[in-house]
Amino acid sequence: MRVRKAVRLLYAQHSEYFYDNDQREDLSESTVSMHSLACSTFYMILDCNYCDEYVVEYDIESSPFKDEIARLISRGPMYSIGKQVTHESTMEAHFQYMRTYHNDNPKHFSYLNIEIEQQD
């Protein structure tokens, strides 16, 4: 959640349209992730594997905050595994697909606001 907060604050500087889905309390069988974050230049999913290790998959190659986010991820807990993934399409195209797939659901999609992010 520390990484989530920091990433949201970085992207709020640009009023980025952002996907943020906390699935930690979702007990349905369809849930595959604990938490997902994405925008047109960033993607990160937090999972917990069968060994109770946190697994962070991310794509930050096109992010203007690539270095800051890489530092945040690398300072994760000792029991986490970080692995960079790449998408067949660009992050922008992948995010557009996510928007279509989730119908821009306002429960998970919003424009980040710097004042609101600084309050949290």
PDB file of N, CA and C in Angstrom:
ATOM      1  N   MET A   1       0.831  -1.189   0.000  1.00  0.00           N
ATOM      2  CA  MET A   1       0.000   0.000   0.000  1.00  0.00           C
ATOM      3  C   MET A   1       0.879   1.258   0.000  1.00  0.00           C
ATOM      4  N   ARG A   2       2.097   1.131   0.521  1.00  0.00           N
ATOM      5  CA  ARG A   2       3.041   2.254   0.504  1.00  0.00           C
ATOM      6  C   ARG A   2       3.384   2.619  -0.940  1.00  0.00           C
ATOM      7  N   VAL A   3       3.622   1.608  -1.769  1.00  0.00           N
ATOM      8  CA  VAL A   3       3.942   1.843  -3.175  1.00  0.00           C
ATOM      9  C   VAL A   3       2.735   2.435  -3.887  1.00  0.00           C
ATOM     10  N   ARG A   4       1.553   1.911  -3.613  1.00  0.00           N
ATOM     11  CA  ARG A   4       0.318   2.421  -4.223  1.00  0.00           C
ATOM     12  C   ARG A   4       0.169   3.908  -3.952  1.00  0.00           C
ATOM     13  N   LYS A   5       0.304   4.296  -2.697  1.00  0.00           N
ATOM     14  CA  LYS A   5       0.138   5.703  -2.312  1.00  0.00           C
ATOM     15  C   LYS A   5       1.156   6.591  -3.029  1.00  0.00           C
ATOM     16  N   ALA A   6       2.409   6.162  -3.052  1.00  0.00           N
ATOM     17  CA  ALA A   6       3.459   6.956  -3.691  1.00  0.00           C
ATOM     18  C   ALA A   6       3.228   7.084  -5.198  1.00  0.00           C
ATOM     19  N   VAL A   7       2.832   5.991  -5.844  1.00  0.00           N
ATOM     20  CA  VAL A   7       2.587   6.019  -7.291  1.00  0.00           C
ATOM     21  C   VAL A   7       1.403   6.927  -7.608  1.00  0.00           C
ATOM     22  N   ARG A   8       0.345   6.818  -6.834  1.00  0.00           N
ATOM     23  CA  ARG A   8      -0.822   7.689  -7.062  1.00  0.00           C
ATOM     24  C   ARG A   8      -0.438   9.154  -6.904  1.00  0.00           C
ATOM     25  N   LEU A   9       0.386   9.465  -5.933  1.00  0.00           N
ATOM     26  CA  LEU A   9       0.821  10.839  -5.717  1.00  0.00           C
ATOM     27  C   LEU A   9       1.664  11.345  -6.891  1.00  0.00           C
ATOM     28  N   LEU A  10       2.558  10.502  -7.398  1.00  0.00           N
ATOM     29  CA  LEU A  10       3.357  10.887  -8.563  1.00  0.00           C
ATOM     30  C   LEU A  10       2.465  11.203  -9.756  1.00  0.00           C
ATOM     31  N   TYR A  11       1.540  10.308 -10.059  1.00  0.00           N
ATOM     32  CA  TYR A  11       0.679  10.496 -11.229  1.00  0.00           C
ATOM     33  C   TYR A  11      -0.369  11.587 -11.031  1.00  0.00           C
ATOM     34  N   ALA A  12      -0.700  11.904  -9.804  1.00  0.00           N
ATOM     35  CA  ALA A  12      -1.658  12.982  -9.546  1.00  0.00           C
ATOM     36  C   ALA A  12      -1.104  14.331  -9.986  1.00  0.00           C
ATOM     37  N   GLN A  13       0.206  14.452 -10.058  1.00  0.00           N
ATOM     38  CA  GLN A  13       0.830  15.692 -10.534  1.00  0.00           C
ATOM     39  C   GLN A  13       0.383  16.015 -11.956  1.00  0.00           C
ATOM     40  N   HIS A  14      -0.045  15.001 -12.706  1.00  0.00           N
ATOM     41  CA  HIS A  14      -0.460  15.157 -14.099  1.00  0.00           C
ATOM     42  C   HIS A  14      -1.959  14.921 -14.287  1.00  0.00           C
ATOM     43  N   SER A  15      -2.721  14.851 -13.175  1.00  0.00           N
ATOM     44  CA  SER A  15      -4.166  14.566 -13.233  1.00  0.00           C
ATOM     45  C   SER A  15      -4.440  13.342 -14.112  1.00  0.00           C
ATOM     46  N   GLU A  16      -3.653  12.309 -13.924  1.00  0.00           N
ATOM     47  CA  GLU A  16      -3.724  11.099 -14.752  1.00  0.00           C
ATOM     48  C   GLU A  16      -5.042  10.342 -14.542  1.00  0.00           C
ATOM     49  N   TYR A  17      -5.576   9.802 -15.627  1.00  0.00           N
ATOM     50  CA  TYR A  17      -6.728   8.906 -15.544  1.00  0.00           C
ATOM     51  C   TYR A  17      -6.178   7.554 -15.110  1.00  0.00           C
ATOM     52  N   PHE A  18      -6.677   7.004 -14.018  1.00  0.00           N
ATOM     53  CA  PHE A  18      -6.002   5.917 -13.321  1.00  0.00           C
ATOM     54  C   PHE A  18      -6.975   4.810 -12.960  1.00  0.00           C
ATOM     55  N   TYR A  19      -6.482   3.572 -13.020  1.00  0.00           N
ATOM     56  CA  TYR A  19      -7.228   2.388 -12.600  1.00  0.00           C
ATOM     57  C   TYR A  19      -6.632   1.910 -11.284  1.00  0.00           C
ATOM     58  N   ASP A  20      -7.486   1.727 -10.285  1.00  0.00           N
ATOM     59  CA  ASP A  20      -7.039   1.272  -8.965  1.00  0.00           C
ATOM     60  C   ASP A  20      -8.098   0.319  -8.433  1.00  0.00           C
ATOM     61  N   ASN A  21      -7.743  -0.967  -8.326  1.00  0.00           N
ATOM     62  CA  ASN A  21      -8.718  -1.973  -7.917  1.00  0.00           C
ATOM     63  C   ASN A  21      -8.137  -2.810  -6.781  1.00  0.00           C
ATOM     64  N   ASP A  22      -8.697  -2.638  -5.591  1.00  0.00           N
ATOM     65  CA  ASP A  22      -8.280  -3.382  -4.409  1.00  0.00           C
ATOM     66  C   ASP A  22      -9.159  -4.621  -4.295  1.00  0.00           C
ATOM     67  N   GLN A  23      -8.580  -5.804  -4.535  1.00  0.00           N
ATOM     68  CA  GLN A  23      -9.348  -7.045  -4.532  1.00  0.00           C
ATOM     69  C   GLN A  23      -9.027  -7.905  -3.303  1.00  0.00           C
ATOM     70  N   ARG A  24      -8.360  -7.330  -2.309  1.00  0.00           N
ATOM     71  CA  ARG A  24      -7.943  -8.130  -1.157  1.00  0.00           C
ATOM     72  C   ARG A  24      -9.114  -8.731  -0.396  1.00  0.00           C
ATOM     73  N   GLU A  25     -10.260  -8.067  -0.386  1.00  0.00           N
ATOM     74  CA  GLU A  25     -11.424  -8.568   0.344  1.00  0.00           C
ATOM     75  C   GLU A  25     -12.382  -9.355  -0.539  1.00  0.00           C
ATOM     76  N   ASP A  26     -12.074  -9.444  -1.834  1.00  0.00           N
ATOM     77  CA  ASP A  26     -12.932 -10.161  -2.776  1.00  0.00           C
ATOM     78  C   ASP A  26     -12.673 -11.659  -2.642  1.00  0.00           C
ATOM     79  N   LEU A  27     -13.653 -12.393  -2.179  1.00  0.00           N
ATOM     80  CA  LEU A  27     -13.481 -13.822  -1.941  1.00  0.00           C
ATOM     81  C   LEU A  27     -14.005 -14.687  -3.090  1.00  0.00           C
ATOM     82  N   SER A  28     -14.389 -14.037  -4.188  1.00  0.00           N
ATOM     83  CA  SER A  28     -14.898 -14.813  -5.323  1.00  0.00           C
ATOM     84  C   SER A  28     -13.762 -15.583  -5.978  1.00  0.00           C
ATOM     85  N   GLU A  29     -14.093 -16.658  -6.618  1.00  0.00           N
ATOM     86  CA  GLU A  29     -13.092 -17.491  -7.269  1.00  0.00           C
ATOM     87  C   GLU A  29     -12.485 -16.818  -8.491  1.00  0.00           C
ATOM     88  N   SER A  30     -13.144 -15.792  -9.001  1.00  0.00           N
ATOM     89  CA  SER A  30     -12.630 -15.129 -10.199  1.00  0.00           C
ATOM     90  C   SER A  30     -11.480 -14.177  -9.893  1.00  0.00           C
ATOM     91  N   THR A  31     -11.239 -13.884  -8.629  1.00  0.00           N
ATOM     92  CA  THR A  31     -10.170 -12.964  -8.267  1.00  0.00           C
ATOM     93  C   THR A  31      -8.817 -13.638  -8.444  1.00  0.00           C
ATOM     94  N   VAL A  32      -7.960 -13.007  -9.211  1.00  0.00           N
ATOM     95  CA  VAL A  32      -6.620 -13.546  -9.415  1.00  0.00           C
ATOM     96  C   VAL A  32      -5.549 -12.647  -8.811  1.00  0.00           C
ATOM     97  N   SER A  33      -5.889 -11.449  -8.422  1.00  0.00           N
ATOM     98  CA  SER A  33      -4.926 -10.496  -7.894  1.00  0.00           C
ATOM     99  C   SER A  33      -5.418  -9.918  -6.586  1.00  0.00           C
ATOM    100  N   MET A  34      -4.475  -9.402  -5.817  1.00  0.00           N
ATOM    101  CA  MET A  34      -4.827  -8.716  -4.575  1.00  0.00           C
ATOM    102  C   MET A  34      -5.094  -7.236  -4.831  1.00  0.00           C
ATOM    103  N   HIS A  35      -4.286  -6.650  -5.718  1.00  0.00           N
ATOM    104  CA  HIS A  35      -4.445  -5.229  -6.008  1.00  0.00           C
ATOM    105  C   HIS A  35      -3.882  -4.952  -7.395  1.00  0.00           C
ATOM    106  N   SER A  36      -4.571  -4.120  -8.155  1.00  0.00           N
ATOM    107  CA  SER A  36      -4.134  -3.763  -9.507  1.00  0.00           C
ATOM    108  C   SER A  36      -4.138  -2.254  -9.660  1.00  0.00           C
ATOM    109  N   LEU A  37      -3.096  -1.732 -10.280  1.00  0.00           N
ATOM    110  CA  LEU A  37      -2.985  -0.311 -10.597  1.00  0.00           C
ATOM    111  C   LEU A  37      -2.567  -0.196 -12.058  1.00  0.00           C
ATOM    112  N   ALA A  38      -3.075   0.806 -12.757  1.00  0.00           N
ATOM    113  CA  ALA A  38      -2.659   0.991 -14.147  1.00  0.00           C
ATOM    114  C   ALA A  38      -3.038   2.379 -14.637  1.00  0.00           C
ATOM    115  N   CYS A  39      -2.305   2.832 -15.626  1.00  0.00           N
ATOM    116  CA  CYS A  39      -2.656   4.013 -16.408  1.00  0.00           C
ATOM    117  C   CYS A  39      -1.986   3.838 -17.760  1.00  0.00           C
ATOM    118  N   SER A  40      -1.945   4.869 -18.557  1.00  0.00           N
ATOM    119  CA  SER A  40      -1.440   4.718 -19.924  1.00  0.00           C
ATOM    120  C   SER A  40       0.075   4.496 -20.002  1.00  0.00           C
ATOM    121  N   THR A  41       0.794   4.686 -18.881  1.00  0.00           N
ATOM    122  CA  THR A  41       2.251   4.476 -18.897  1.00  0.00           C
ATOM    123  C   THR A  41       2.739   3.594 -17.755  1.00  0.00           C
ATOM    124  N   PHE A  42       1.843   2.945 -17.042  1.00  0.00           N
ATOM    125  CA  PHE A  42       2.221   2.197 -15.843  1.00  0.00           C
ATOM    126  C   PHE A  42       1.235   1.058 -15.603  1.00  0.00           C
ATOM    127  N   TYR A  43       1.764  -0.055 -15.072  1.00  0.00           N
ATOM    128  CA  TYR A  43       0.937  -1.217 -14.765  1.00  0.00           C
ATOM    129  C   TYR A  43       1.587  -1.959 -13.607  1.00  0.00           C
ATOM    130  N   MET A  44       0.801  -2.315 -12.598  1.00  0.00           N
ATOM    131  CA  MET A  44       1.325  -3.088 -11.484  1.00  0.00           C
ATOM    132  C   MET A  44       0.215  -3.937 -10.883  1.00  0.00           C
ATOM    133  N   ILE A  45       0.542  -5.211 -10.627  1.00  0.00           N
ATOM    134  CA  ILE A  45      -0.398  -6.130  -9.982  1.00  0.00           C
ATOM    135  C   ILE A  45       0.312  -6.760  -8.794  1.00  0.00           C
ATOM    136  N   LEU A  46      -0.371  -6.813  -7.666  1.00  0.00           N
ATOM    137  CA  LEU A  46       0.130  -7.489  -6.475  1.00  0.00           C
ATOM    138  C   LEU A  46      -0.655  -8.774  -6.296  1.00  0.00           C
ATOM    139  N   ASP A  47       0.062  -9.878  -6.212  1.00  0.00           N
ATOM    140  CA  ASP A  47      -0.527 -11.194  -5.963  1.00  0.00           C
ATOM    141  C   ASP A  47       0.130 -11.794  -4.732  1.00  0.00           C
ATOM    142  N   CYS A  48      -0.453 -12.834  -4.229  1.00  0.00           N
ATOM    143  CA  CYS A  48       0.166 -13.620  -3.164  1.00  0.00           C
ATOM    144  C   CYS A  48       0.180 -15.063  -3.655  1.00  0.00           C
ATOM    145  N   ASN A  49       1.376 -15.665  -3.739  1.00  0.00           N
ATOM    146  CA  ASN A  49       1.453 -17.025  -4.276  1.00  0.00           C
ATOM    147  C   ASN A  49       1.172 -18.065  -3.196  1.00  0.00           C
ATOM    148  N   TYR A  50       1.255 -19.338  -3.566  1.00  0.00           N
ATOM    149  CA  TYR A  50       0.922 -20.427  -2.649  1.00  0.00           C
ATOM    150  C   TYR A  50       1.924 -20.595  -1.510  1.00  0.00           C
ATOM    151  N   CYS A  51       3.074 -19.934  -1.628  1.00  0.00           N
ATOM    152  CA  CYS A  51       4.090 -19.972  -0.553  1.00  0.00           C
ATOM    153  C   CYS A  51       3.951 -18.760   0.362  1.00  0.00           C
ATOM    154  N   ASP A  52       2.831 -18.042   0.247  1.00  0.00           N
ATOM    155  CA  ASP A  52       2.579 -16.819   1.010  1.00  0.00           C
ATOM    156  C   ASP A  52       3.639 -15.746   0.763  1.00  0.00           C
ATOM    157  N   GLU A  53       4.148 -15.686  -0.473  1.00  0.00           N
ATOM    158  CA  GLU A  53       5.065 -14.637  -0.877  1.00  0.00           C
ATOM    159  C   GLU A  53       4.289 -13.645  -1.734  1.00  0.00           C
ATOM    160  N   TYR A  54       4.551 -12.375  -1.530  1.00  0.00           N
ATOM    161  CA  TYR A  54       3.949 -11.370  -2.385  1.00  0.00           C
ATOM    162  C   TYR A  54       4.695 -11.342  -3.709  1.00  0.00           C
ATOM    163  N   VAL A  55       3.951 -11.273  -4.795  1.00  0.00           N
ATOM    164  CA  VAL A  55       4.525 -11.202  -6.131  1.00  0.00           C
ATOM    165  C   VAL A  55       4.010  -9.919  -6.778  1.00  0.00           C
ATOM    166  N   VAL A  56       4.936  -9.069  -7.203  1.00  0.00           N
ATOM    167  CA  VAL A  56       4.583  -7.816  -7.855  1.00  0.00           C
ATOM    168  C   VAL A  56       4.998  -7.919  -9.311  1.00  0.00           C
ATOM    169  N   GLU A  57       4.026  -7.831 -10.213  1.00  0.00           N
ATOM    170  CA  GLU A  57       4.303  -7.769 -11.641  1.00  0.00           C
ATOM    171  C   GLU A  57       4.081  -6.330 -12.070  1.00  0.00           C
ATOM    172  N   TYR A  58       4.985  -5.807 -12.881  1.00  0.00           N
ATOM    173  CA  TYR A  58       4.868  -4.401 -13.241  1.00  0.00           C
ATOM    174  C   TYR A  58       5.448  -4.132 -14.618  1.00  0.00           C
ATOM    175  N   ASP A  59       4.985  -3.040 -15.212  1.00  0.00           N
ATOM    176  CA  ASP A  59       5.526  -2.522 -16.465  1.00  0.00           C
ATOM    177  C   ASP A  59       5.658  -1.021 -16.281  1.00  0.00           C
ATOM    178  N   ILE A  60       6.894  -0.551 -16.220  1.00  0.00           N
ATOM    179  CA  ILE A  60       7.148   0.872 -15.983  1.00  0.00           C
ATOM    180  C   ILE A  60       8.004   1.490 -17.079  1.00  0.00           C
ATOM    181  N   GLU A  61       8.250   0.737 -18.153  1.00  0.00           N
ATOM    182  CA  GLU A  61       9.180   1.192 -19.184  1.00  0.00           C
ATOM    183  C   GLU A  61       8.804   2.544 -19.789  1.00  0.00           C
ATOM    184  N   SER A  62       7.524   2.819 -19.967  1.00  0.00           N
ATOM    185  CA  SER A  62       7.133   4.090 -20.588  1.00  0.00           C
ATOM    186  C   SER A  62       6.714   5.139 -19.558  1.00  0.00           C
ATOM    187  N   SER A  63       6.896   4.840 -18.275  1.00  0.00           N
ATOM    188  CA  SER A  63       6.487   5.774 -17.225  1.00  0.00           C
ATOM    189  C   SER A  63       7.459   6.953 -17.097  1.00  0.00           C
ATOM    190  N   PRO A  64       6.937   8.163 -16.969  1.00  0.00           N
ATOM    191  CA  PRO A  64       7.823   9.301 -16.709  1.00  0.00           C
ATOM    192  C   PRO A  64       8.441   9.221 -15.308  1.00  0.00           C
ATOM    193  N   PHE A  65       7.933   8.333 -14.472  1.00  0.00           N
ATOM    194  CA  PHE A  65       8.417   8.165 -13.102  1.00  0.00           C
ATOM    195  C   PHE A  65       9.120   6.813 -12.929  1.00  0.00           C
ATOM    196  N   LYS A  66       9.663   6.296 -14.010  1.00  0.00           N
ATOM    197  CA  LYS A  66      10.261   4.961 -14.028  1.00  0.00           C
ATOM    198  C   LYS A  66      11.273   4.757 -12.900  1.00  0.00           C
ATOM    199  N   ASP A  67      12.192   5.681 -12.734  1.00  0.00           N
ATOM    200  CA  ASP A  67      13.236   5.518 -11.721  1.00  0.00           C
ATOM    201  C   ASP A  67      12.673   5.541 -10.307  1.00  0.00           C
ATOM    202  N   GLU A  68      11.749   6.458 -10.040  1.00  0.00           N
ATOM    203  CA  GLU A  68      11.141   6.548  -8.709  1.00  0.00           C
ATOM    204  C   GLU A  68      10.360   5.279  -8.364  1.00  0.00           C
ATOM    205  N   ILE A  69       9.600   4.788  -9.344  1.00  0.00           N
ATOM    206  CA  ILE A  69       8.790   3.589  -9.107  1.00  0.00           C
ATOM    207  C   ILE A  69       9.690   2.362  -8.933  1.00  0.00           C
ATOM    208  N   ALA A  70      10.747   2.261  -9.720  1.00  0.00           N
ATOM    209  CA  ALA A  70      11.685   1.136  -9.583  1.00  0.00           C
ATOM    210  C   ALA A  70      12.283   1.118  -8.178  1.00  0.00           C
ATOM    211  N   ARG A  71      12.627   2.285  -7.651  1.00  0.00           N
ATOM    212  CA  ARG A  71      13.168   2.347  -6.284  1.00  0.00           C
ATOM    213  C   ARG A  71      12.129   1.906  -5.259  1.00  0.00           C
ATOM    214  N   LEU A  72      10.896   2.337  -5.441  1.00  0.00           N
ATOM    215  CA  LEU A  72       9.827   1.952  -4.511  1.00  0.00           C
ATOM    216  C   LEU A  72       9.622   0.441  -4.503  1.00  0.00           C
ATOM    217  N   ILE A  73       9.591  -0.150  -5.686  1.00  0.00           N
ATOM    218  CA  ILE A  73       9.368  -1.593  -5.795  1.00  0.00           C
ATOM    219  C   ILE A  73      10.549  -2.362  -5.209  1.00  0.00           C
ATOM    220  N   SER A  74      11.755  -1.891  -5.457  1.00  0.00           N
ATOM    221  CA  SER A  74      12.942  -2.620  -4.973  1.00  0.00           C
ATOM    222  C   SER A  74      13.082  -2.560  -3.453  1.00  0.00           C
ATOM    223  N   ARG A  75      12.428  -1.606  -2.816  1.00  0.00           N
ATOM    224  CA  ARG A  75      12.491  -1.508  -1.357  1.00  0.00           C
ATOM    225  C   ARG A  75      11.346  -2.247  -0.684  1.00  0.00           C
ATOM    226  N   GLY A  76      10.709  -3.146  -1.413  1.00  0.00           N
ATOM    227  CA  GLY A  76       9.601  -3.923  -0.866  1.00  0.00           C
ATOM    228  C   GLY A  76      10.077  -4.872   0.219  1.00  0.00           C
ATOM    229  N   PRO A  77       9.155  -5.543   0.878  1.00  0.00           N
ATOM    230  CA  PRO A  77       9.527  -6.475   1.944  1.00  0.00           C
ATOM    231  C   PRO A  77      10.367  -7.636   1.416  1.00  0.00           C
ATOM    232  N   MET A  78      11.141  -8.227   2.279  1.00  0.00           N
ATOM    233  CA  MET A  78      12.036  -9.327   1.908  1.00  0.00           C
ATOM    234  C   MET A  78      11.263 -10.528   1.351  1.00  0.00           C
ATOM    235  N   TYR A  79      10.012 -10.654   1.712  1.00  0.00           N
ATOM    236  CA  TYR A  79       9.230 -11.799   1.275  1.00  0.00           C
ATOM    237  C   TYR A  79       8.447 -11.502   0.004  1.00  0.00           C
ATOM    238  N   SER A  80       8.921 -10.530  -0.793  1.00  0.00           N
ATOM    239  CA  SER A  80       8.236 -10.226  -2.048  1.00  0.00           C
ATOM    240  C   SER A  80       9.129 -10.541  -3.239  1.00  0.00           C
ATOM    241  N   ILE A  81       8.500 -10.812  -4.351  1.00  0.00           N
ATOM    242  CA  ILE A  81       9.186 -11.115  -5.599  1.00  0.00           C
ATOM    243  C   ILE A  81       8.695 -10.091  -6.620  1.00  0.00           C
ATOM    244  N   GLY A  82       9.596  -9.320  -7.191  1.00  0.00           N
ATOM    245  CA  GLY A  82       9.221  -8.350  -8.210  1.00  0.00           C
ATOM    246  C   GLY A  82       9.669  -8.831  -9.569  1.00  0.00           C
ATOM    247  N   LYS A  83       8.774  -8.788 -10.527  1.00  0.00           N
ATOM    248  CA  LYS A  83       9.192  -9.174 -11.878  1.00  0.00           C
ATOM    249  C   LYS A  83       8.542  -8.247 -12.887  1.00  0.00           C
ATOM    250  N   GLN A  84       9.392  -7.737 -13.760  1.00  0.00           N
ATOM    251  CA  GLN A  84       8.914  -6.840 -14.784  1.00  0.00           C
ATOM    252  C   GLN A  84       8.302  -7.647 -15.904  1.00  0.00           C
ATOM    253  N   VAL A  85       7.155  -7.208 -16.371  1.00  0.00           N
ATOM    254  CA  VAL A  85       6.477  -7.848 -17.495  1.00  0.00           C
ATOM    255  C   VAL A  85       6.397  -6.853 -18.641  1.00  0.00           C
ATOM    256  N   THR A  86       6.285  -7.352 -19.822  1.00  0.00           N
ATOM    257  CA  THR A  86       6.070  -6.488 -20.983  1.00  0.00           C
ATOM    258  C   THR A  86       4.801  -6.943 -21.674  1.00  0.00           C
ATOM    259  N   HIS A  87       4.134  -6.014 -22.244  1.00  0.00           N
ATOM    260  CA  HIS A  87       2.890  -6.306 -22.951  1.00  0.00           C
ATOM    261  C   HIS A  87       3.172  -6.346 -24.451  1.00  0.00           C
ATOM    262  N   GLU A  88       2.402  -7.155 -25.153  1.00  0.00           N
ATOM    263  CA  GLU A  88       2.574  -7.240 -26.598  1.00  0.00           C
ATOM    264  C   GLU A  88       2.259  -5.908 -27.266  1.00  0.00           C
ATOM    265  N   SER A  89       1.333  -5.179 -26.697  1.00  0.00           N
ATOM    266  CA  SER A  89       0.995  -3.863 -27.221  1.00  0.00           C
ATOM    267  C   SER A  89       1.673  -2.806 -26.338  1.00  0.00           C
ATOM    268  N   THR A  90       1.513  -1.554 -26.683  1.00  0.00           N
ATOM    269  CA  THR A  90       2.044  -0.485 -25.846  1.00  0.00           C
ATOM    270  C   THR A  90       1.220  -0.395 -24.567  1.00  0.00           C
ATOM    271  N   MET A  91       1.767   0.232 -23.542  1.00  0.00           N
ATOM    272  CA  MET A  91       0.998   0.415 -22.308  1.00  0.00           C
ATOM    273  C   MET A  91      -0.262   1.227 -22.583  1.00  0.00           C
ATOM    274  N   GLU A  92      -0.147   2.202 -23.451  1.00  0.00           N
ATOM    275  CA  GLU A  92      -1.317   3.019 -23.779  1.00  0.00           C
ATOM    276  C   GLU A  92      -2.426   2.163 -24.391  1.00  0.00           C
ATOM    277  N   ALA A  93      -2.075   1.258 -25.305  1.00  0.00           N
ATOM    278  CA  ALA A  93      -3.065   0.367 -25.921  1.00  0.00           C
ATOM    279  C   ALA A  93      -3.608  -0.621 -24.893  1.00  0.00           C
ATOM    280  N   HIS A  94      -2.745  -1.119 -24.025  1.00  0.00           N
ATOM    281  CA  HIS A  94      -3.184  -2.052 -22.982  1.00  0.00           C
ATOM    282  C   HIS A  94      -4.165  -1.361 -22.035  1.00  0.00           C
ATOM    283  N   PHE A  95      -3.859  -0.132 -21.658  1.00  0.00           N
ATOM    284  CA  PHE A  95      -4.754   0.607 -20.768  1.00  0.00           C
ATOM    285  C   PHE A  95      -6.093   0.894 -21.456  1.00  0.00           C
ATOM    286  N   GLN A  96      -6.052   1.211 -22.729  1.00  0.00           N
ATOM    287  CA  GLN A  96      -7.299   1.431 -23.475  1.00  0.00           C
ATOM    288  C   GLN A  96      -8.143   0.160 -23.480  1.00  0.00           C
ATOM    289  N   TYR A  97      -7.491  -0.998 -23.633  1.00  0.00           N
ATOM    290  CA  TYR A  97      -8.201  -2.276 -23.563  1.00  0.00           C
ATOM    291  C   TYR A  97      -8.828  -2.452 -22.174  1.00  0.00           C
ATOM    292  N   MET A  98      -8.064  -2.140 -21.118  1.00  0.00           N
ATOM    293  CA  MET A  98      -8.599  -2.246 -19.754  1.00  0.00           C
ATOM    294  C   MET A  98      -9.828  -1.358 -19.576  1.00  0.00           C
ATOM    295  N   ARG A  99      -9.756  -0.143 -20.097  1.00  0.00           N
ATOM    296  CA  ARG A  99     -10.896   0.790 -19.987  1.00  0.00           C
ATOM    297  C   ARG A  99     -12.125   0.207 -20.667  1.00  0.00           C
ATOM    298  N   THR A 100     -11.942  -0.367 -21.842  1.00  0.00           N
ATOM    299  CA  THR A 100     -13.061  -0.966 -22.574  1.00  0.00           C
ATOM    300  C   THR A 100     -13.583  -2.189 -21.829  1.00  0.00           C
ATOM    301  N   TYR A 101     -12.673  -3.050 -21.399  1.00  0.00           N
ATOM    302  CA  TYR A 101     -13.057  -4.286 -20.709  1.00  0.00           C
ATOM    303  C   TYR A 101     -13.848  -3.995 -19.431  1.00  0.00           C
ATOM    304  N   HIS A 102     -13.419  -3.005 -18.672  1.00  0.00           N
ATOM    305  CA  HIS A 102     -14.081  -2.656 -17.401  1.00  0.00           C
ATOM    306  C   HIS A 102     -15.114  -1.547 -17.555  1.00  0.00           C
ATOM    307  N   ASN A 103     -15.386  -1.141 -18.788  1.00  0.00           N
ATOM    308  CA  ASN A 103     -16.386  -0.106 -19.073  1.00  0.00           C
ATOM    309  C   ASN A 103     -16.152   1.184 -18.295  1.00  0.00           C
ATOM    310  N   ASP A 104     -14.888   1.556 -18.097  1.00  0.00           N
ATOM    311  CA  ASP A 104     -14.555   2.781 -17.351  1.00  0.00           C
ATOM    312  C   ASP A 104     -15.320   2.873 -16.033  1.00  0.00           C
ATOM    313  N   ASN A 105     -15.505   1.752 -15.375  1.00  0.00           N
ATOM    314  CA  ASN A 105     -16.265   1.687 -14.123  1.00  0.00           C
ATOM    315  C   ASN A 105     -15.723   2.717 -13.122  1.00  0.00           C
ATOM    316  N   PRO A 106     -16.535   3.693 -12.705  1.00  0.00           N
ATOM    317  CA  PRO A 106     -16.057   4.733 -11.787  1.00  0.00           C
ATOM    318  C   PRO A 106     -15.652   4.187 -10.416  1.00  0.00           C
ATOM    319  N   LYS A 107     -15.999   2.953 -10.132  1.00  0.00           N
ATOM    320  CA  LYS A 107     -15.553   2.333  -8.883  1.00  0.00           C
ATOM    321  C   LYS A 107     -14.031   2.141  -8.906  1.00  0.00           C
ATOM    322  N   HIS A 108     -13.468   1.966 -10.104  1.00  0.00           N
ATOM    323  CA  HIS A 108     -12.041   1.690 -10.224  1.00  0.00           C
ATOM    324  C   HIS A 108     -11.268   2.720 -11.048  1.00  0.00           C
ATOM    325  N   PHE A 109     -11.942   3.501 -11.881  1.00  0.00           N
ATOM    326  CA  PHE A 109     -11.284   4.482 -12.746  1.00  0.00           C
ATOM    327  C   PHE A 109     -11.606   5.894 -12.283  1.00  0.00           C
ATOM    328  N   SER A 110     -10.588   6.736 -12.237  1.00  0.00           N
ATOM    329  CA  SER A 110     -10.815   8.139 -11.899  1.00  0.00           C
ATOM    330  C   SER A 110      -9.604   8.968 -12.297  1.00  0.00           C
ATOM    331  N   TYR A 111      -9.821  10.277 -12.383  1.00  0.00           N
ATOM    332  CA  TYR A 111      -8.709  11.201 -12.574  1.00  0.00           C
ATOM    333  C   TYR A 111      -8.115  11.486 -11.208  1.00  0.00           C
ATOM    334  N   LEU A 112      -6.811  11.344 -11.094  1.00  0.00           N
ATOM    335  CA  LEU A 112      -6.153  11.601  -9.821  1.00  0.00           C
ATOM    336  C   LEU A 112      -6.060  13.109  -9.595  1.00  0.00           C
ATOM    337  N   ASN A 113      -6.237  13.501  -8.347  1.00  0.00           N
ATOM    338  CA  ASN A 113      -6.200  14.899  -7.961  1.00  0.00           C
ATOM    339  C   ASN A 113      -5.116  15.065  -6.889  1.00  0.00           C
ATOM    340  N   ILE A 114      -4.188  15.985  -7.119  1.00  0.00           N
ATOM    341  CA  ILE A 114      -3.043  16.136  -6.217  1.00  0.00           C
ATOM    342  C   ILE A 114      -3.471  16.501  -4.795  1.00  0.00           C
ATOM    343  N   GLU A 115      -4.480  17.354  -4.646  1.00  0.00           N
ATOM    344  CA  GLU A 115      -4.931  17.742  -3.300  1.00  0.00           C
ATOM    345  C   GLU A 115      -5.504  16.563  -2.534  1.00  0.00           C
ATOM    346  N   ILE A 116      -6.284  15.752  -3.229  1.00  0.00           N
ATOM    347  CA  ILE A 116      -6.884  14.574  -2.584  1.00  0.00           C
ATOM    348  C   ILE A 116      -5.812  13.553  -2.220  1.00  0.00           C
ATOM    349  N   GLU A 117      -4.858  13.333  -3.134  1.00  0.00           N
ATOM    350  CA  GLU A 117      -3.809  12.348  -2.877  1.00  0.00           C
ATOM    351  C   GLU A 117      -2.909  12.770  -1.718  1.00  0.00           C
ATOM    352  N   GLN A 118      -2.691  14.066  -1.561  1.00  0.00           N
ATOM    353  CA  GLN A 118      -1.861  14.543  -0.457  1.00  0.00           C
ATOM    354  C   GLN A 118      -2.562  14.410   0.886  1.00  0.00           C
ATOM    355  N   GLN A 119      -3.883  14.362   0.888  1.00  0.00           N
ATOM    356  CA  GLN A 119      -4.650  14.225   2.128  1.00  0.00           C
ATOM    357  C   GLN A 119      -4.594  12.822   2.686  1.00  0.00           C
ATOM    358  N   ASP A 120      -4.527  11.827   1.818  1.00  0.00           N
ATOM    359  CA  ASP A 120      -4.568  10.425   2.257  1.00  0.00           C
ATOM    360  C   ASP A 120      -3.333  10.021   3.005  1.00  0.00           C
TER     361      ASP A 120
END
